Amino acid sequence: MHVHDPVRLSEHGPVRIDHCGCGAVHLHVGPMTLRLEVASFLALAEAVVHARHQLTVHWRRGGRPLVNQAQGDA
């Protein structure tokens, strides 16, 4: 196996996550690829799970989708 041969960890729609033989995690979202250190990937994963939970809580309380608010912050 070559040092940079990736191992597919997950694939869901346009999102793929590979662990590279060099030790990095490659996060592919559509045409974009992020190369992350494992510690950074784990922190990102926790942040995404937390954000998903917050959106779910917001929607269950009858809140509107947060898209307009997020665009106003830009």
C-alpha atoms as a PDB file:
ATOM      1  CA  MET A   1       0.000   0.000   0.000  1.00  0.00           C
ATOM      2  CA  HIS A   2       1.277   3.426  -0.968  1.00  0.00           C
ATOM      3  CA  VAL A   3       1.730   5.986   1.851  1.00  0.00           C
ATOM      4  CA  HIS A   4      -1.062   8.208   0.467  1.00  0.00           C
ATOM      5  CA  ASP A   5      -3.601   5.470  -0.330  1.00  0.00           C
ATOM      6  CA  PRO A   6      -6.793   6.591   1.410  1.00  0.00           C
ATOM      7  CA  VAL A   7      -9.176   4.430   3.419  1.00  0.00           C
ATOM      8  CA  ARG A   8     -12.806   5.458   2.987  1.00  0.00           C
ATOM      9  CA  LEU A   9     -14.311   6.144   6.416  1.00  0.00           C
ATOM     10  CA  SER A  10     -17.704   7.409   5.296  1.00  0.00           C
ATOM     11  CA  GLU A  11     -19.685   8.477   2.272  1.00  0.00           C
ATOM     12  CA  HIS A  12     -23.073  10.150   2.319  1.00  0.00           C
ATOM     13  CA  GLY A  13     -24.316  11.962  -0.757  1.00  0.00           C
ATOM     14  CA  PRO A  14     -21.749  14.548  -1.858  1.00  0.00           C
ATOM     15  CA  VAL A  15     -19.747  14.146   1.380  1.00  0.00           C
ATOM     16  CA  ARG A  16     -16.860  11.662   1.619  1.00  0.00           C
ATOM     17  CA  ILE A  17     -14.355  11.239   4.421  1.00  0.00           C
ATOM     18  CA  ASP A  18     -11.065   9.434   3.860  1.00  0.00           C
ATOM     19  CA  HIS A  19      -8.156   8.670   6.164  1.00  0.00           C
ATOM     20  CA  CYS A  20      -4.938   9.069   4.222  1.00  0.00           C
ATOM     21  CA  GLY A  21      -1.910   6.871   4.815  1.00  0.00           C
ATOM     22  CA  CYS A  22       0.017  10.084   5.598  1.00  0.00           C
ATOM     23  CA  GLY A  23      -2.152  10.493   8.711  1.00  0.00           C
ATOM     24  CA  ALA A  24      -4.429  13.294   7.509  1.00  0.00           C
ATOM     25  CA  VAL A  25      -8.192  13.140   7.155  1.00  0.00           C
ATOM     26  CA  HIS A  26      -9.547  14.285   3.798  1.00  0.00           C
ATOM     27  CA  LEU A  27     -13.044  15.741   3.938  1.00  0.00           C
ATOM     28  CA  HIS A  28     -14.594  15.975   0.460  1.00  0.00           C
ATOM     29  CA  VAL A  29     -17.734  18.095   0.080  1.00  0.00           C
ATOM     30  CA  GLY A  30     -18.763  18.254  -3.558  1.00  0.00           C
ATOM     31  CA  PRO A  31     -15.799  19.685  -5.481  1.00  0.00           C
ATOM     32  CA  MET A  32     -14.035  20.951  -2.334  1.00  0.00           C
ATOM     33  CA  THR A  33     -11.526  18.949  -0.284  1.00  0.00           C
ATOM     34  CA  LEU A  34     -10.189  19.858   3.150  1.00  0.00           C
ATOM     35  CA  ARG A  35      -7.064  18.157   4.445  1.00  0.00           C
ATOM     36  CA  LEU A  36      -7.189  18.093   8.249  1.00  0.00           C
ATOM     37  CA  GLU A  37      -5.043  16.794  11.055  1.00  0.00           C
ATOM     38  CA  VAL A  38      -6.906  14.108  12.996  1.00  0.00           C
ATOM     39  CA  ALA A  39      -7.285  16.337  16.093  1.00  0.00           C
ATOM     40  CA  SER A  40      -8.774  19.135  13.971  1.00  0.00           C
ATOM     41  CA  PHE A  41     -11.135  16.692  12.258  1.00  0.00           C
ATOM     42  CA  LEU A  42     -12.330  15.369  15.627  1.00  0.00           C
ATOM     43  CA  ALA A  43     -12.985  18.927  16.855  1.00  0.00           C
ATOM     44  CA  LEU A  44     -14.886  19.681  13.627  1.00  0.00           C
ATOM     45  CA  ALA A  45     -16.956  16.507  14.040  1.00  0.00           C
ATOM     46  CA  GLU A  46     -17.939  17.537  17.588  1.00  0.00           C
ATOM     47  CA  ALA A  47     -18.850  21.041  16.403  1.00  0.00           C
ATOM     48  CA  VAL A  48     -21.038  19.651  13.593  1.00  0.00           C
ATOM     49  CA  VAL A  49     -22.849  17.267  15.957  1.00  0.00           C
ATOM     50  CA  HIS A  50     -23.453  20.131  18.406  1.00  0.00           C
ATOM     51  CA  ALA A  51     -24.753  22.418  15.645  1.00  0.00           C
ATOM     52  CA  ARG A  52     -27.068  19.665  14.397  1.00  0.00           C
ATOM     53  CA  HIS A  53     -28.462  19.261  17.911  1.00  0.00           C
ATOM     54  CA  GLN A  54     -28.990  23.024  18.280  1.00  0.00           C
ATOM     55  CA  LEU A  55     -30.871  23.178  14.965  1.00  0.00           C
ATOM     56  CA  THR A  56     -33.077  20.255  15.976  1.00  0.00           C
ATOM     57  CA  VAL A  57     -33.921  21.887  19.325  1.00  0.00           C
ATOM     58  CA  HIS A  58     -34.627  25.204  17.608  1.00  0.00           C
ATOM     59  CA  TRP A  59     -36.957  23.616  15.053  1.00  0.00           C
ATOM     60  CA  ARG A  60     -38.793  21.533  17.667  1.00  0.00           C
ATOM     61  CA  ARG A  61     -39.547  24.738  19.567  1.00  0.00           C
ATOM     62  CA  GLY A  62     -41.240  26.048  16.444  1.00  0.00           C
ATOM     63  CA  GLY A  63     -38.348  28.225  15.389  1.00  0.00           C
ATOM     64  CA  ARG A  64     -37.887  29.214  11.810  1.00  0.00           C
ATOM     65  CA  PRO A  65     -34.866  27.917   9.909  1.00  0.00           C
ATOM     66  CA  LEU A  66     -31.799  29.942  10.810  1.00  0.00           C
ATOM     67  CA  VAL A  67     -30.734  30.591   7.196  1.00  0.00           C
ATOM     68  CA  ASN A  68     -31.853  34.233   7.136  1.00  0.00           C
ATOM     69  CA  GLN A  69     -30.147  34.993  10.449  1.00  0.00           C
ATOM     70  CA  ALA A  70     -26.898  33.395   9.295  1.00  0.00           C
ATOM     71  CA  GLN A  71     -26.942  35.439   6.077  1.00  0.00           C
ATOM     72  CA  GLY A  72     -27.418  38.627   8.084  1.00  0.00           C
ATOM     73  CA  ASP A  73     -24.257  37.896  10.072  1.00  0.00           C
ATOM     74  CA  ALA A  74     -22.072  37.751   6.966  1.00  0.00           C
END
